[in-house]
Protein backbone atom coordinates (compact mmCIF):
# COMPACT_ATOMS: atom_id res chain seq x y z
CA MET A 1 -43.79 73.29 41.23
CA LYS A 2 -45.43 70.56 43.05
CA LEU A 3 -44.41 66.88 44.20
CA TYR A 4 -46.63 64.97 46.22
CA ILE A 5 -44.50 62.44 48.73
CA SER A 6 -46.65 59.73 50.64
CA ALA A 7 -46.29 56.02 52.68
CA ARG A 8 -48.37 53.86 54.25
CA VAL A 9 -47.73 53.25 57.58
CA ASN A 10 -47.93 49.89 58.48
CA PRO A 11 -49.22 48.28 61.90
CA SER A 12 -45.95 47.47 63.36
CA GLU A 13 -44.13 50.88 62.30
CA ASP A 14 -44.32 54.18 64.11
CA PRO A 15 -46.31 57.04 62.01
CA GLU A 16 -43.24 59.31 63.45
CA LYS A 17 -40.47 57.01 61.66
CA VAL A 18 -42.27 57.81 58.41
CA LYS A 19 -42.97 60.98 58.53
CA LYS A 20 -38.92 61.19 59.64
CA ALA A 21 -38.75 59.04 56.16
CA ILE A 22 -40.66 61.42 54.28
CA ILE A 23 -39.13 65.05 56.00
CA ASN A 24 -35.35 63.45 55.04
CA LEU A 25 -36.02 63.37 51.62
CA THR A 26 -37.35 67.30 51.62
CA ASP A 27 -35.70 70.35 51.25
CA PRO A 28 -35.55 72.95 55.20
CA LYS A 29 -35.39 75.87 52.23
CA ASP A 30 -39.21 74.67 50.58
CA GLU A 31 -42.90 75.21 53.42
CA ILE A 32 -44.15 71.35 53.11
CA LYS A 33 -47.30 70.94 54.03
CA VAL A 34 -48.40 67.38 56.15
CA GLU A 35 -51.28 65.67 55.94
CA MET A 36 -51.18 62.73 58.43
CA MET A 37 -55.06 60.24 57.89
CA GLN A 38 -55.68 57.26 59.52
CA ASP A 39 -52.68 55.10 58.20
CA ILE A 40 -51.06 57.15 55.25
CA ILE A 41 -48.65 60.76 55.94
CA LYS A 42 -48.72 63.12 52.53
CA VAL A 43 -46.51 65.26 51.98
CA GLU A 44 -46.22 68.33 49.48
CA ALA A 45 -43.18 70.42 48.71
CA GLY A 46 -41.60 72.22 46.14
CA GLU A 47 -39.25 73.38 44.26
CA HIS A 48 -35.87 72.85 46.43
CA THR A 49 -37.09 69.53 46.91
CA LEU A 50 -37.40 68.95 44.01
CA LYS A 51 -33.62 69.80 42.86
CA LYS A 52 -32.41 67.99 45.99
CA LEU A 53 -34.18 64.59 45.08
CA LEU A 54 -32.91 64.89 41.46
CA GLN A 55 -29.11 65.96 42.12
CA ALA A 56 -29.52 62.32 44.95
CA ILE A 57 -30.05 61.00 41.40
CA LYS A 58 -27.43 62.22 39.57
CA ASP A 59 -24.79 62.03 42.46
CA LYS A 60 -25.28 58.29 42.26
CA ASP A 61 -25.79 58.39 38.15
CA MET A 62 -29.64 56.67 38.61
CA THR A 63 -31.09 59.69 35.73
CA TYR A 64 -31.70 56.51 32.90
CA LEU A 65 -33.73 54.53 35.75
CA MET A 66 -35.23 57.71 36.57
CA LEU A 67 -36.81 58.48 32.95
CA ARG A 68 -37.53 55.32 32.45
CA LEU A 69 -39.58 54.90 35.66
CA LEU A 70 -41.64 58.18 35.41
CA ASN A 71 -42.50 56.86 31.85
CA GLU A 72 -43.13 53.00 33.30
CA ASN A 73 -45.25 55.06 36.02
CA LYS A 74 -47.88 57.62 35.05
CA LYS A 75 -51.21 57.92 36.84
CA GLY A 76 -53.41 60.25 34.71
CA ASP A 77 -51.47 63.92 34.02
CA ARG A 78 -48.96 63.22 36.43
CA PHE A 79 -45.77 60.43 36.62
CA PHE A 80 -44.89 58.87 40.03
CA LEU A 81 -42.14 56.42 41.38
CA MET A 82 -41.52 55.01 44.11
CA LEU A 83 -38.11 55.27 46.66
CA ASN A 84 -37.19 52.69 49.59
CA LYS A 85 -38.67 53.24 53.20
CA GLN A 86 -35.87 52.51 55.21
CA ALA A 87 -33.22 53.67 52.75
CA ALA A 88 -34.72 57.90 53.21
CA PHE A 89 -35.38 56.67 56.36
CA VAL A 90 -31.60 57.01 56.73
CA SER A 91 -31.32 60.05 53.52
CA ARG A 92 -30.78 57.49 50.93
CA VAL A 93 -33.08 57.81 47.81
CA VAL A 94 -32.95 53.85 46.51
CA MET A 95 -35.71 53.81 44.05
CA CYS A 96 -37.64 50.78 43.27
CA ASP A 97 -39.41 48.58 40.01
CA ASP A 98 -42.20 47.44 42.06
CA PRO A 99 -43.37 48.17 45.74
CA GLN A 100 -42.55 44.22 47.07
CA GLU A 101 -38.46 45.66 46.63
CA SER A 102 -39.15 48.03 49.80
CA PRO A 103 -40.55 45.67 52.91
CA LEU A 104 -42.59 48.17 54.26
CA GLY A 105 -44.08 49.75 51.14
CA PRO A 106 -42.40 51.84 49.10
CA ILE A 107 -42.42 55.75 49.65
CA THR A 108 -44.22 57.23 46.38
CA ILE A 109 -43.62 60.07 44.98
CA GLU A 110 -45.93 62.06 41.99
CA PHE A 111 -44.82 64.57 40.49
CA ASP A 112 -47.50 67.36 38.47
CA ASN A 113 -46.92 68.08 35.10
CA GLU A 114 -44.54 70.93 35.42
CA SER A 115 -41.86 68.81 38.07
CA ILE A 116 -41.98 66.69 34.87
CA LYS A 117 -40.22 69.39 32.17
CA TYR A 118 -38.14 70.50 35.25
CA VAL A 119 -36.70 67.00 35.74
CA ILE A 120 -35.92 66.14 31.94
CA ASN A 121 -34.82 69.56 31.78
CA GLY A 122 -32.54 68.85 34.84
CA ILE A 123 -31.14 66.02 33.19
CA ARG A 124 -30.49 66.73 30.03
CA LYS A 125 -27.98 69.36 31.58
């Protein structure tokens, strides 16, 4: 299972703080890969991060919202969610319907097919 987490770094932002916001969403048990490009930071994470994210969403009773957003946000065989970048900086999971809901732009999490199956099965439990 793989999760691909990315965010654009605005000119007014410190790239290290954006990286920290993304890393806060990951689980330390996962071996992550961080890639910093010109104005985008990308992280590849695995199963432990997926479990952490799913638990945070269940704890806040946002599973219905997550399923609705995943259904609406499909690119080919991948699904994605947008999270508020500022909330992630303080280790909070706040989903966005629209990129404008995150003033500095969202953090985007893409799920592969195996991850989506895990999410759907995890929500049903």
